[in-house]
Full PDB file with SEQRES, HELIX, SHEET, SSBOND, CRYST1, ORIGX, SCALE, CONECT and MASTER records, all heavy atoms in Angstrom:
SEQRES   1 A   45  GLU ARG ASN ALA ASN ALA ASP TRP SER ALA ARG GLN ALA          
SEQRES   2 A   45  LYS PHE GLU THR ASP LYS LYS VAL ALA GLU ALA GLN HIS          
SEQRES   3 A   45  ALA THR TRP GLU GLN GLU VAL ALA ALA ALA LEU GLY SER          
SEQRES   4 A   45  GLN SER THR MET PRO GLU                                      
HELIX    1 AA1 TRP A    8  SER A   39  1                                  32    
CRYST1    1.000    1.000    1.000  90.00  90.00  90.00 P 1           1          
ORIGX1      1.000000  0.000000  0.000000        0.00000                         
ORIGX2      0.000000  1.000000  0.000000        0.00000                         
ORIGX3      0.000000  0.000000  1.000000        0.00000                         
SCALE1      1.000000  0.000000  0.000000        0.00000                         
SCALE2      0.000000  1.000000  0.000000        0.00000                         
SCALE3      0.000000  0.000000  1.000000        0.00000                         
ATOM      1  N   GLU A   1     -17.943  25.136   6.728  1.00  0.00           N  
ATOM      2  CA  GLU A   1     -17.628  23.856   6.082  1.00  0.00           C  
ATOM      3  C   GLU A   1     -16.504  24.014   5.047  1.00  0.00           C  
ATOM      4  O   GLU A   1     -15.625  23.158   4.973  1.00  0.00           O  
ATOM      5  CB  GLU A   1     -18.886  23.296   5.436  1.00  0.00           C  
ATOM      6  CG  GLU A   1     -18.700  21.892   4.896  1.00  0.00           C  
ATOM      7  CD  GLU A   1     -19.960  21.356   4.219  1.00  0.00           C  
ATOM      8  OE1 GLU A   1     -20.176  21.688   3.010  1.00  0.00           O  
ATOM      9  OE2 GLU A   1     -20.740  20.656   4.878  1.00  0.00           O  
ATOM     10  N   ARG A   2     -16.552  25.092   4.290  1.00  0.00           N  
ATOM     11  CA  ARG A   2     -15.485  25.313   3.304  1.00  0.00           C  
ATOM     12  C   ARG A   2     -14.119  25.483   4.007  1.00  0.00           C  
ATOM     13  O   ARG A   2     -13.090  24.989   3.530  1.00  0.00           O  
ATOM     14  CB  ARG A   2     -15.793  26.538   2.432  1.00  0.00           C  
ATOM     15  CG  ARG A   2     -16.922  26.283   1.415  1.00  0.00           C  
ATOM     16  CD  ARG A   2     -16.999  27.399   0.424  1.00  0.00           C  
ATOM     17  NE  ARG A   2     -17.349  28.682   1.029  1.00  0.00           N  
ATOM     18  CZ  ARG A   2     -18.618  29.087   1.259  1.00  0.00           C  
ATOM     19  NH1 ARG A   2     -19.654  28.286   0.951  1.00  0.00           N  
ATOM     20  NH2 ARG A   2     -18.867  30.244   1.793  1.00  0.00           N  
ATOM     21  N   ASN A   3     -14.126  26.192   5.111  1.00  0.00           N  
ATOM     22  CA  ASN A   3     -12.892  26.365   5.885  1.00  0.00           C  
ATOM     23  C   ASN A   3     -12.346  24.992   6.380  1.00  0.00           C  
ATOM     24  O   ASN A   3     -11.144  24.751   6.334  1.00  0.00           O  
ATOM     25  CB  ASN A   3     -13.114  27.264   7.090  1.00  0.00           C  
ATOM     26  CG  ASN A   3     -13.375  28.698   6.694  1.00  0.00           C  
ATOM     27  OD1 ASN A   3     -13.060  29.129   5.600  1.00  0.00           O  
ATOM     28  ND2 ASN A   3     -13.978  29.470   7.593  1.00  0.00           N  
ATOM     29  N   ALA A   4     -13.277  24.120   6.775  1.00  0.00           N  
ATOM     30  CA  ALA A   4     -12.840  22.810   7.271  1.00  0.00           C  
ATOM     31  C   ALA A   4     -12.219  21.965   6.168  1.00  0.00           C  
ATOM     32  O   ALA A   4     -11.419  21.085   6.456  1.00  0.00           O  
ATOM     33  CB  ALA A   4     -14.059  22.081   7.878  1.00  0.00           C  
ATOM     34  N   ASN A   5     -12.611  22.239   4.918  1.00  0.00           N  
ATOM     35  CA  ASN A   5     -12.134  21.436   3.803  1.00  0.00           C  
ATOM     36  C   ASN A   5     -11.021  22.168   3.011  1.00  0.00           C  
ATOM     37  O   ASN A   5     -10.749  21.833   1.849  1.00  0.00           O  
ATOM     38  CB  ASN A   5     -13.274  21.076   2.867  1.00  0.00           C  
ATOM     39  CG  ASN A   5     -14.207  20.043   3.495  1.00  0.00           C  
ATOM     40  OD1 ASN A   5     -13.778  18.956   3.813  1.00  0.00           O  
ATOM     41  ND2 ASN A   5     -15.476  20.388   3.643  1.00  0.00           N  
ATOM     42  N   ALA A   6     -10.388  23.162   3.638  1.00  0.00           N  
ATOM     43  CA  ALA A   6      -9.350  23.921   2.945  1.00  0.00           C  
ATOM     44  C   ALA A   6      -8.179  22.996   2.564  1.00  0.00           C  
ATOM     45  O   ALA A   6      -7.477  23.280   1.589  1.00  0.00           O  
ATOM     46  CB  ALA A   6      -8.872  25.080   3.808  1.00  0.00           C  
ATOM     47  N   ASP A   7      -7.964  21.926   3.307  1.00  0.00           N  
ATOM     48  CA  ASP A   7      -6.854  21.030   3.021  1.00  0.00           C  
ATOM     49  C   ASP A   7      -7.296  19.834   2.218  1.00  0.00           C  
ATOM     50  O   ASP A   7      -6.562  18.820   2.175  1.00  0.00           O  
ATOM     51  CB  ASP A   7      -6.199  20.574   4.321  1.00  0.00           C  
ATOM     52  CG  ASP A   7      -7.175  19.748   5.202  1.00  0.00           C  
ATOM     53  OD1 ASP A   7      -8.378  19.791   4.922  1.00  0.00           O  
ATOM     54  OD2 ASP A   7      -6.689  19.066   6.133  1.00  0.00           O  
ATOM     55  N   TRP A   8      -8.432  19.889   1.554  1.00  0.00           N  
ATOM     56  CA  TRP A   8      -8.990  18.744   0.861  1.00  0.00           C  
ATOM     57  C   TRP A   8      -8.029  18.222  -0.238  1.00  0.00           C  
ATOM     58  O   TRP A   8      -7.769  17.021  -0.352  1.00  0.00           O  
ATOM     59  CB  TRP A   8     -10.356  19.093   0.302  1.00  0.00           C  
ATOM     60  CG  TRP A   8     -10.953  18.009  -0.585  1.00  0.00           C  
ATOM     61  CD1 TRP A   8     -11.340  18.102  -1.853  1.00  0.00           C  
ATOM     62  CD2 TRP A   8     -11.296  16.668  -0.188  1.00  0.00           C  
ATOM     63  NE1 TRP A   8     -11.886  16.922  -2.322  1.00  0.00           N  
ATOM     64  CE2 TRP A   8     -11.853  16.023  -1.323  1.00  0.00           C  
ATOM     65  CE3 TRP A   8     -11.134  15.944   0.993  1.00  0.00           C  
ATOM     66  CZ2 TRP A   8     -12.270  14.698  -1.297  1.00  0.00           C  
ATOM     67  CZ3 TRP A   8     -11.551  14.603   1.010  1.00  0.00           C  
ATOM     68  CH2 TRP A   8     -12.120  13.992  -0.111  1.00  0.00           C  
ATOM     69  N   SER A   9      -7.502  19.132  -1.006  1.00  0.00           N  
ATOM     70  CA  SER A   9      -6.591  18.738  -2.087  1.00  0.00           C  
ATOM     71  C   SER A   9      -5.349  18.028  -1.494  1.00  0.00           C  
ATOM     72  O   SER A   9      -4.861  17.016  -2.042  1.00  0.00           O  
ATOM     73  CB  SER A   9      -6.145  19.931  -2.922  1.00  0.00           C  
ATOM     74  OG  SER A   9      -7.273  20.476  -3.609  1.00  0.00           O  
ATOM     75  N   ALA A  10      -4.819  18.551  -0.419  1.00  0.00           N  
ATOM     76  CA  ALA A  10      -3.651  17.955   0.209  1.00  0.00           C  
ATOM     77  C   ALA A  10      -3.967  16.544   0.765  1.00  0.00           C  
ATOM     78  O   ALA A  10      -3.169  15.622   0.645  1.00  0.00           O  
ATOM     79  CB  ALA A  10      -3.135  18.835   1.329  1.00  0.00           C  
ATOM     80  N   ARG A  11      -5.149  16.384   1.345  1.00  0.00           N  
ATOM     81  CA  ARG A  11      -5.529  15.096   1.882  1.00  0.00           C  
ATOM     82  C   ARG A  11      -5.737  14.070   0.727  1.00  0.00           C  
ATOM     83  O   ARG A  11      -5.370  12.907   0.886  1.00  0.00           O  
ATOM     84  CB  ARG A  11      -6.793  15.215   2.697  1.00  0.00           C  
ATOM     85  CG  ARG A  11      -6.566  15.879   4.051  1.00  0.00           C  
ATOM     86  CD  ARG A  11      -7.713  15.715   4.987  1.00  0.00           C  
ATOM     87  NE  ARG A  11      -8.902  16.457   4.612  1.00  0.00           N  
ATOM     88  CZ  ARG A  11     -10.145  15.999   4.601  1.00  0.00           C  
ATOM     89  NH1 ARG A  11     -10.347  14.729   4.915  1.00  0.00           N  
ATOM     90  NH2 ARG A  11     -11.154  16.761   4.286  1.00  0.00           N  
ATOM     91  N   GLN A  12      -6.295  14.538  -0.376  1.00  0.00           N  
ATOM     92  CA  GLN A  12      -6.465  13.639  -1.515  1.00  0.00           C  
ATOM     93  C   GLN A  12      -5.097  13.200  -2.080  1.00  0.00           C  
ATOM     94  O   GLN A  12      -4.891  12.029  -2.423  1.00  0.00           O  
ATOM     95  CB  GLN A  12      -7.260  14.326  -2.626  1.00  0.00           C  
ATOM     96  CG  GLN A  12      -8.743  14.385  -2.398  1.00  0.00           C  
ATOM     97  CD  GLN A  12      -9.464  14.995  -3.581  1.00  0.00           C  
ATOM     98  OE1 GLN A  12      -9.160  16.132  -3.976  1.00  0.00           O  
ATOM     99  NE2 GLN A  12     -10.424  14.297  -4.127  1.00  0.00           N  
ATOM    100  N   ALA A  13      -4.169  14.176  -2.163  1.00  0.00           N  
ATOM    101  CA  ALA A  13      -2.841  13.862  -2.693  1.00  0.00           C  
ATOM    102  C   ALA A  13      -2.137  12.870  -1.784  1.00  0.00           C  
ATOM    103  O   ALA A  13      -1.465  11.928  -2.261  1.00  0.00           O  
ATOM    104  CB  ALA A  13      -2.025  15.140  -2.820  1.00  0.00           C  
ATOM    105  N   LYS A  14      -2.251  13.052  -0.487  1.00  0.00           N  
ATOM    106  CA  LYS A  14      -1.614  12.127   0.458  1.00  0.00           C  
ATOM    107  C   LYS A  14      -2.205  10.716   0.336  1.00  0.00           C  
ATOM    108  O   LYS A  14      -1.493   9.717   0.344  1.00  0.00           O  
ATOM    109  CB  LYS A  14      -1.773  12.612   1.913  1.00  0.00           C  
ATOM    110  CG  LYS A  14      -1.019  11.722   2.926  1.00  0.00           C  
ATOM    111  CD  LYS A  14      -1.204  12.267   4.327  1.00  0.00           C  
ATOM    112  CE  LYS A  14      -0.374  11.461   5.313  1.00  0.00           C  
ATOM    113  NZ  LYS A  14      -0.691  10.014   5.294  1.00  0.00           N  
ATOM    114  N   PHE A  15      -3.526  10.649   0.134  1.00  0.00           N  
ATOM    115  CA  PHE A  15      -4.169   9.348  -0.046  1.00  0.00           C  
ATOM    116  C   PHE A  15      -3.616   8.651  -1.288  1.00  0.00           C  
ATOM    117  O   PHE A  15      -3.317   7.451  -1.243  1.00  0.00           O  
ATOM    118  CB  PHE A  15      -5.674   9.525  -0.134  1.00  0.00           C  
ATOM    119  CG  PHE A  15      -6.378   8.292  -0.657  1.00  0.00           C  
ATOM    120  CD1 PHE A  15      -6.578   7.174   0.134  1.00  0.00           C  
ATOM    121  CD2 PHE A  15      -6.841   8.247  -1.992  1.00  0.00           C  
ATOM    122  CE1 PHE A  15      -7.174   6.017  -0.352  1.00  0.00           C  
ATOM    123  CE2 PHE A  15      -7.483   7.108  -2.473  1.00  0.00           C  
ATOM    124  CZ  PHE A  15      -7.647   6.004  -1.651  1.00  0.00           C  
ATOM    125  N   GLU A  16      -3.527   9.357  -2.388  1.00  0.00           N  
ATOM    126  CA  GLU A  16      -3.020   8.746  -3.632  1.00  0.00           C  
ATOM    127  C   GLU A  16      -1.602   8.255  -3.465  1.00  0.00           C  
ATOM    128  O   GLU A  16      -1.212   7.188  -3.933  1.00  0.00           O  
ATOM    129  CB  GLU A  16      -3.109   9.740  -4.767  1.00  0.00           C  
ATOM    130  CG  GLU A  16      -4.529  10.136  -5.187  1.00  0.00           C  
ATOM    131  CD  GLU A  16      -5.341   8.960  -5.712  1.00  0.00           C  
ATOM    132  OE1 GLU A  16      -4.715   7.966  -6.147  1.00  0.00           O  
ATOM    133  OE2 GLU A  16      -6.577   8.985  -5.645  1.00  0.00           O  
ATOM    134  N   THR A  17      -0.771   9.054  -2.745  1.00  0.00           N  
ATOM    135  CA  THR A  17       0.613   8.589  -2.453  1.00  0.00           C  
ATOM    136  C   THR A  17       0.638   7.339  -1.597  1.00  0.00           C  
ATOM    137  O   THR A  17       1.310   6.377  -1.916  1.00  0.00           O  
ATOM    138  CB  THR A  17       1.395   9.729  -1.764  1.00  0.00           C  
ATOM    139  OG1 THR A  17       1.392  10.875  -2.624  1.00  0.00           O  
ATOM    140  CG2 THR A  17       2.829   9.276  -1.497  1.00  0.00           C  
ATOM    141  N   ASP A  18      -0.148   7.376  -0.528  1.00  0.00           N  
ATOM    142  CA  ASP A  18      -0.201   6.230   0.380  1.00  0.00           C  
ATOM    143  C   ASP A  18      -0.730   4.995  -0.348  1.00  0.00           C  
ATOM    144  O   ASP A  18      -0.336   3.859  -0.070  1.00  0.00           O  
ATOM    145  CB  ASP A  18      -1.075   6.532   1.596  1.00  0.00           C  
ATOM    146  CG  ASP A  18      -0.443   7.583   2.494  1.00  0.00           C  
ATOM    147  OD1 ASP A  18       0.769   7.864   2.340  1.00  0.00           O  
ATOM    148  OD2 ASP A  18      -1.178   8.145   3.337  1.00  0.00           O  
ATOM    149  N   LYS A  19      -1.676   5.199  -1.251  1.00  0.00           N  
ATOM    150  CA  LYS A  19      -2.289   4.106  -2.048  1.00  0.00           C  
ATOM    151  C   LYS A  19      -1.206   3.452  -2.894  1.00  0.00           C  
ATOM    152  O   LYS A  19      -1.121   2.199  -2.971  1.00  0.00           O  
ATOM    153  CB  LYS A  19      -3.414   4.648  -2.877  1.00  0.00           C  
ATOM    154  CG  LYS A  19      -4.108   3.595  -3.726  1.00  0.00           C  
ATOM    155  CD  LYS A  19      -5.190   4.225  -4.577  1.00  0.00           C  
ATOM    156  CE  LYS A  19      -5.795   3.239  -5.583  1.00  0.00           C  
ATOM    157  NZ  LYS A  19      -6.816   3.845  -6.445  1.00  0.00           N  
ATOM    158  N   LYS A  20      -0.405   4.295  -3.588  1.00  0.00           N  
ATOM    159  CA  LYS A  20       0.654   3.734  -4.419  1.00  0.00           C  
ATOM    160  C   LYS A  20       1.689   2.973  -3.624  1.00  0.00           C  
ATOM    161  O   LYS A  20       2.171   1.891  -4.028  1.00  0.00           O  
ATOM    162  CB  LYS A  20       1.332   4.876  -5.222  1.00  0.00           C  
ATOM    163  CG  LYS A  20       0.465   5.510  -6.280  1.00  0.00           C  
ATOM    164  CD  LYS A  20       0.059   4.495  -7.372  1.00  0.00           C  
ATOM    165  CE  LYS A  20      -0.765   5.163  -8.480  1.00  0.00           C  
ATOM    166  NZ  LYS A  20      -1.222   4.170  -9.467  1.00  0.00           N  
ATOM    167  N   VAL A  21       2.034   3.501  -2.465  1.00  0.00           N  
ATOM    168  CA  VAL A  21       2.951   2.811  -1.570  1.00  0.00           C  
ATOM    169  C   VAL A  21       2.401   1.435  -1.155  1.00  0.00           C  
ATOM    170  O   VAL A  21       3.113   0.420  -1.156  1.00  0.00           O  
ATOM    171  CB  VAL A  21       3.301   3.684  -0.346  1.00  0.00           C  
ATOM    172  CG1 VAL A  21       4.087   2.868   0.702  1.00  0.00           C  
ATOM    173  CG2 VAL A  21       4.068   4.918  -0.768  1.00  0.00           C  
ATOM    174  N   ALA A  22       1.120   1.442  -0.789  1.00  0.00           N  
ATOM    175  CA  ALA A  22       0.488   0.207  -0.351  1.00  0.00           C  
ATOM    176  C   ALA A  22       0.433  -0.833  -1.503  1.00  0.00           C  
ATOM    177  O   ALA A  22       0.663  -2.028  -1.294  1.00  0.00           O  
ATOM    178  CB  ALA A  22      -0.916   0.502   0.118  1.00  0.00           C  
ATOM    179  N   GLU A  23       0.152  -0.340  -2.733  1.00  0.00           N  
ATOM    180  CA  GLU A  23       0.131  -1.231  -3.865  1.00  0.00           C  
ATOM    181  C   GLU A  23       1.501  -1.872  -4.108  1.00  0.00           C  
ATOM    182  O   GLU A  23       1.613  -3.056  -4.408  1.00  0.00           O  
ATOM    183  CB  GLU A  23      -0.368  -0.485  -5.130  1.00  0.00           C  
ATOM    184  CG  GLU A  23      -1.845  -0.132  -5.086  1.00  0.00           C  
ATOM    185  CD  GLU A  23      -2.263   0.779  -6.197  1.00  0.00           C  
ATOM    186  OE1 GLU A  23      -1.331   1.301  -6.902  1.00  0.00           O  
ATOM    187  OE2 GLU A  23      -3.453   0.943  -6.410  1.00  0.00           O  
ATOM    188  N   ALA A  24       2.541  -1.015  -3.990  1.00  0.00           N  
ATOM    189  CA  ALA A  24       3.909  -1.533  -4.196  1.00  0.00           C  
ATOM    190  C   ALA A  24       4.267  -2.540  -3.115  1.00  0.00           C  
ATOM    191  O   ALA A  24       4.879  -3.614  -3.366  1.00  0.00           O  
ATOM    192  CB  ALA A  24       4.901  -0.372  -4.200  1.00  0.00           C  
ATOM    193  N   GLN A  25       3.958  -2.224  -1.844  1.00  0.00           N  
ATOM    194  CA  GLN A  25       4.244  -3.145  -0.752  1.00  0.00           C  
ATOM    195  C   GLN A  25       3.447  -4.440  -0.907  1.00  0.00           C  
ATOM    196  O   GLN A  25       3.985  -5.532  -0.605  1.00  0.00           O  
ATOM    197  CB  GLN A  25       3.869  -2.456   0.569  1.00  0.00           C  
ATOM    198  CG  GLN A  25       4.758  -1.310   0.970  1.00  0.00           C  
ATOM    199  CD  GLN A  25       6.088  -1.757   1.503  1.00  0.00           C  
ATOM    200  OE1 GLN A  25       6.295  -2.954   1.758  1.00  0.00           O  
ATOM    201  NE2 GLN A  25       7.033  -0.817   1.634  1.00  0.00           N  
ATOM    202  N   HIS A  26       2.222  -4.338  -1.390  1.00  0.00           N  
ATOM    203  CA  HIS A  26       1.396  -5.542  -1.585  1.00  0.00           C  
ATOM    204  C   HIS A  26       1.995  -6.409  -2.705  1.00  0.00           C  
ATOM    205  O   HIS A  26       2.023  -7.656  -2.589  1.00  0.00           O  
ATOM    206  CB  HIS A  26      -0.037  -5.116  -1.955  1.00  0.00           C  
ATOM    207  CG  HIS A  26      -1.028  -6.224  -1.834  1.00  0.00           C  
ATOM    208  ND1 HIS A  26      -1.275  -7.118  -2.801  1.00  0.00           N  
ATOM    209  CD2 HIS A  26      -1.840  -6.580  -0.792  1.00  0.00           C  
ATOM    210  CE1 HIS A  26      -2.187  -7.983  -2.420  1.00  0.00           C  
ATOM    211  NE2 HIS A  26      -2.552  -7.674  -1.187  1.00  0.00           N  
ATOM    212  N   ALA A  27       2.480  -5.757  -3.774  1.00  0.00           N  
ATOM    213  CA  ALA A  27       3.101  -6.531  -4.887  1.00  0.00           C  
ATOM    214  C   ALA A  27       4.342  -7.253  -4.385  1.00  0.00           C  
ATOM    215  O   ALA A  27       4.576  -8.433  -4.743  1.00  0.00           O  
ATOM    216  CB  ALA A  27       3.406  -5.597  -6.030  1.00  0.00           C  
ATOM    217  N   THR A  28       5.160  -6.549  -3.586  1.00  0.00           N  
ATOM    218  CA  THR A  28       6.370  -7.170  -3.045  1.00  0.00           C  
ATOM    219  C   THR A  28       6.021  -8.362  -2.165  1.00  0.00           C  
ATOM    220  O   THR A  28       6.644  -9.438  -2.213  1.00  0.00           O  
ATOM    221  CB  THR A  28       7.204  -6.130  -2.225  1.00  0.00           C  
ATOM    222  OG1 THR A  28       7.562  -5.072  -3.131  1.00  0.00           O  
ATOM    223  CG2 THR A  28       8.435  -6.776  -1.649  1.00  0.00           C  
ATOM    224  N   TRP A  29       5.044  -8.181  -1.338  1.00  0.00           N  
ATOM    225  CA  TRP A  29       4.601  -9.290  -0.432  1.00  0.00           C  
ATOM    226  C   TRP A  29       4.079 -10.465  -1.239  1.00  0.00           C  
ATOM    227  O   TRP A  29       4.344 -11.632  -0.883  1.00  0.00           O  
ATOM    228  CB  TRP A  29       3.488  -8.757   0.483  1.00  0.00           C  
ATOM    229  CG  TRP A  29       2.802  -9.822   1.296  1.00  0.00           C  
ATOM    230  CD1 TRP A  29       3.329 -10.549   2.343  1.00  0.00           C  
ATOM    231  CD2 TRP A  29       1.494 -10.314   1.096  1.00  0.00           C  
ATOM    232  NE1 TRP A  29       2.403 -11.436   2.822  1.00  0.00           N  
ATOM    233  CE2 TRP A  29       1.263 -11.306   2.064  1.00  0.00           C  
ATOM    234  CE3 TRP A  29       0.465  -9.987   0.218  1.00  0.00           C  
ATOM    235  CZ2 TRP A  29       0.056 -12.007   2.173  1.00  0.00           C  
ATOM    236  CZ3 TRP A  29      -0.732 -10.682   0.291  1.00  0.00           C  
ATOM    237  CH2 TRP A  29      -0.920 -11.667   1.259  1.00  0.00           C  
ATOM    238  N   GLU A  30       3.333 -10.232  -2.346  1.00  0.00           N  
ATOM    239  CA  GLU A  30       2.847 -11.324  -3.143  1.00  0.00           C  
ATOM    240  C   GLU A  30       4.003 -12.140  -3.725  1.00  0.00           C  
ATOM    241  O   GLU A  30       3.956 -13.364  -3.832  1.00  0.00           O  
ATOM    242  CB  GLU A  30       1.977 -10.791  -4.259  1.00  0.00           C  
ATOM    243  CG  GLU A  30       0.583 -10.325  -3.796  1.00  0.00           C  
ATOM    244  CD  GLU A  30      -0.265  -9.794  -4.947  1.00  0.00           C  
ATOM    245  OE1 GLU A  30       0.305  -9.292  -5.924  1.00  0.00           O  
ATOM    246  OE2 GLU A  30      -1.501  -9.938  -4.866  1.00  0.00           O  
ATOM    247  N   GLN A  31       5.084 -11.410  -4.126  1.00  0.00           N  
ATOM    248  CA  GLN A  31       6.254 -12.095  -4.640  1.00  0.00           C  
ATOM    249  C   GLN A  31       6.914 -12.961  -3.570  1.00  0.00           C  
ATOM    250  O   GLN A  31       7.350 -14.081  -3.804  1.00  0.00           O  
ATOM    251  CB  GLN A  31       7.262 -11.075  -5.184  1.00  0.00           C  
ATOM    252  CG  GLN A  31       6.796 -10.338  -6.412  1.00  0.00           C  
ATOM    253  CD  GLN A  31       7.721  -9.223  -6.820  1.00  0.00           C  
ATOM    254  OE1 GLN A  31       8.774  -8.991  -6.180  1.00  0.00           O  
ATOM    255  NE2 GLN A  31       7.413  -8.531  -7.907  1.00  0.00           N  
ATOM    256  N   GLU A  32       6.933 -12.421  -2.358  1.00  0.00           N  
ATOM    257  CA  GLU A  32       7.528 -13.177  -1.220  1.00  0.00           C  
ATOM    258  C   GLU A  32       6.681 -14.433  -0.904  1.00  0.00           C  
ATOM    259  O   GLU A  32       7.236 -15.485  -0.576  1.00  0.00           O  
ATOM    260  CB  GLU A  32       7.642 -12.292   0.001  1.00  0.00           C  
ATOM    261  CG  GLU A  32       8.655 -11.155  -0.160  1.00  0.00           C  
ATOM    262  CD  GLU A  32       8.583 -10.197   1.012  1.00  0.00           C  
ATOM    263  OE1 GLU A  32       7.683 -10.321   1.879  1.00  0.00           O  
ATOM    264  OE2 GLU A  32       9.453  -9.278   1.078  1.00  0.00           O  
ATOM    265  N   VAL A  33       5.364 -14.285  -1.018  1.00  0.00           N  
ATOM    266  CA  VAL A  33       4.454 -15.440  -0.793  1.00  0.00           C  
ATOM    267  C   VAL A  33       4.703 -16.484  -1.846  1.00  0.00           C  
ATOM    268  O   VAL A  33       4.786 -17.708  -1.562  1.00  0.00           O  
ATOM    269  CB  VAL A  33       3.005 -14.985  -0.804  1.00  0.00           C  
ATOM    270  CG1 VAL A  33       2.058 -16.204  -0.823  1.00  0.00           C  
ATOM    271  CG2 VAL A  33       2.668 -14.142   0.443  1.00  0.00           C  
ATOM    272  N   ALA A  34       4.826 -16.062  -3.140  1.00  0.00           N  
ATOM    273  CA  ALA A  34       5.083 -17.030  -4.220  1.00  0.00           C  
ATOM    274  C   ALA A  34       6.417 -17.760  -4.022  1.00  0.00           C  
ATOM    275  O   ALA A  34       6.517 -18.992  -4.236  1.00  0.00           O  
ATOM    276  CB  ALA A  34       5.059 -16.314  -5.566  1.00  0.00           C  
ATOM    277  N   ALA A  35       7.440 -16.994  -3.593  1.00  0.00           N  
ATOM    278  CA  ALA A  35       8.727 -17.639  -3.354  1.00  0.00           C  
ATOM    279  C   ALA A  35       8.656 -18.606  -2.192  1.00  0.00           C  
ATOM    280  O   ALA A  35       9.292 -19.712  -2.260  1.00  0.00           O  
ATOM    281  CB  ALA A  35       9.760 -16.532  -3.028  1.00  0.00           C  
ATOM    282  N   ALA A  36       7.918 -18.268  -1.171  1.00  0.00           N  
ATOM    283  CA  ALA A  36       7.778 -19.186  -0.018  1.00  0.00           C  
ATOM    284  C   ALA A  36       7.055 -20.462  -0.395  1.00  0.00           C  
ATOM    285  O   ALA A  36       7.359 -21.554   0.092  1.00  0.00           O  
ATOM    286  CB  ALA A  36       7.053 -18.461   1.133  1.00  0.00           C  
ATOM    287  N   LEU A  37       6.047 -20.319  -1.275  1.00  0.00           N  
ATOM    288  CA  LEU A  37       5.333 -21.509  -1.740  1.00  0.00           C  
ATOM    289  C   LEU A  37       6.277 -22.448  -2.489  1.00  0.00           C  
ATOM    290  O   LEU A  37       6.238 -23.685  -2.335  1.00  0.00           O  
ATOM    291  CB  LEU A  37       4.169 -21.103  -2.636  1.00  0.00           C  
ATOM    292  CG  LEU A  37       2.902 -20.565  -1.944  1.00  0.00           C  
ATOM    293  CD1 LEU A  37       1.929 -20.024  -3.002  1.00  0.00           C  
ATOM    294  CD2 LEU A  37       2.220 -21.665  -1.124  1.00  0.00           C  
ATOM    295  N   GLY A  38       7.103 -21.862  -3.313  1.00  0.00           N  
ATOM    296  CA  GLY A  38       8.023 -22.671  -4.120  1.00  0.00           C  
ATOM    297  C   GLY A  38       9.055 -23.385  -3.254  1.00  0.00           C  
ATOM    298  O   GLY A  38       9.454 -24.527  -3.551  1.00  0.00           O  
ATOM    299  N   SER A  39       9.501 -22.749  -2.225  1.00  0.00           N  
ATOM    300  CA  SER A  39      10.544 -23.336  -1.356  1.00  0.00           C  
ATOM    301  C   SER A  39       9.985 -24.006  -0.122  1.00  0.00           C  
ATOM    302  O   SER A  39      10.739 -24.537   0.671  1.00  0.00           O  
ATOM    303  CB  SER A  39      11.532 -22.236  -0.915  1.00  0.00           C  
ATOM    304  OG  SER A  39      10.825 -21.234  -0.123  1.00  0.00           O  
ATOM    305  N   GLN A  40       8.647 -23.948  -0.018  1.00  0.00           N  
ATOM    306  CA  GLN A  40       7.971 -24.553   1.134  1.00  0.00           C  
ATOM    307  C   GLN A  40       8.508 -24.018   2.485  1.00  0.00           C  
ATOM    308  O   GLN A  40       8.611 -24.739   3.464  1.00  0.00           O  
ATOM    309  CB  GLN A  40       8.078 -26.074   1.092  1.00  0.00           C  
ATOM    310  CG  GLN A  40       7.358 -26.673  -0.104  1.00  0.00           C  
ATOM    311  CD  GLN A  40       7.399 -28.219  -0.028  1.00  0.00           C  
ATOM    312  OE1 GLN A  40       8.143 -28.837   0.739  1.00  0.00           O  
ATOM    313  NE2 GLN A  40       6.551 -28.827  -0.858  1.00  0.00           N  
ATOM    314  N   SER A  41       8.862 -22.724   2.466  1.00  0.00           N  
ATOM    315  CA  SER A  41       9.324 -22.108   3.690  1.00  0.00           C  
ATOM    316  C   SER A  41       8.156 -21.396   4.386  1.00  0.00           C  
ATOM    317  O   SER A  41       7.006 -21.397   3.909  1.00  0.00           O  
ATOM    318  CB  SER A  41      10.424 -21.102   3.378  1.00  0.00           C  
ATOM    319  OG  SER A  41       9.972 -20.112   2.451  1.00  0.00           O  
ATOM    320  N   THR A  42       8.426 -20.743   5.511  1.00  0.00           N  
ATOM    321  CA  THR A  42       7.390 -20.078   6.311  1.00  0.00           C  
ATOM    322  C   THR A  42       6.785 -18.922   5.488  1.00  0.00           C  
ATOM    323  O   THR A  42       7.503 -18.119   4.889  1.00  0.00           O  
ATOM    324  CB  THR A  42       7.986 -19.510   7.605  1.00  0.00           C  
ATOM    325  OG1 THR A  42       8.596 -20.589   8.317  1.00  0.00           O  
ATOM    326  CG2 THR A  42       6.902 -18.865   8.465  1.00  0.00           C  
ATOM    327  N   MET A  43       5.477 -18.871   5.515  1.00  0.00           N  
ATOM    328  CA  MET A  43       4.745 -17.832   4.779  1.00  0.00           C  
ATOM    329  C   MET A  43       4.944 -16.487   5.456  1.00  0.00           C  
ATOM    330  O   MET A  43       4.755 -16.340   6.684  1.00  0.00           O  
ATOM    331  CB  MET A  43       3.247 -18.133   4.709  1.00  0.00           C  
ATOM    332  CG  MET A  43       2.913 -19.214   3.728  1.00  0.00           C  
ATOM    333  SD  MET A  43       3.195 -18.657   2.059  1.00  0.00           S  
ATOM    334  CE  MET A  43       2.936 -20.231   1.187  1.00  0.00           C  
ATOM    335  N   PRO A  44       5.313 -15.451   4.676  1.00  0.00           N  
ATOM    336  CA  PRO A  44       5.448 -14.128   5.281  1.00  0.00           C  
ATOM    337  C   PRO A  44       4.098 -13.494   5.497  1.00  0.00           C  
ATOM    338  O   PRO A  44       3.158 -13.651   4.670  1.00  0.00           O  
ATOM    339  CB  PRO A  44       6.228 -13.387   4.208  1.00  0.00           C  
ATOM    340  CG  PRO A  44       5.851 -14.033   2.912  1.00  0.00           C  
ATOM    341  CD  PRO A  44       5.633 -15.497   3.243  1.00  0.00           C  
ATOM    342  N   GLU A  45       3.885 -12.851   6.630  1.00  0.00           N  
ATOM    343  CA  GLU A  45       2.637 -12.117   6.881  1.00  0.00           C  
ATOM    344  C   GLU A  45       2.630 -10.827   6.082  1.00  0.00           C  
ATOM    345  O   GLU A  45       3.679 -10.229   5.810  1.00  0.00           O  
ATOM    346  CB  GLU A  45       2.503 -11.806   8.350  1.00  0.00           C  
ATOM    347  CG  GLU A  45       2.331 -13.017   9.231  1.00  0.00           C  
ATOM    348  CD  GLU A  45       2.019 -12.631  10.686  1.00  0.00           C  
ATOM    349  OE1 GLU A  45       1.984 -11.437  10.982  1.00  0.00           O  
ATOM    350  OE2 GLU A  45       1.840 -13.550  11.513  1.00  0.00           O  
TER     351      GLU A  45                                                      
MASTER        0    0    0    1    0    0    0    6  350    1    0    4          
END                                                                             
């Protein structure tokens, strides 16, 4: 079991990186949604 988890730190680090990327992408998308509401244009997915 310890051998199977030898990459645990690397997997945690990748998760934290991916999480930050997702948060940034989500924030950008929220801004696009707000802009679309103001201009009554098509909502971005």
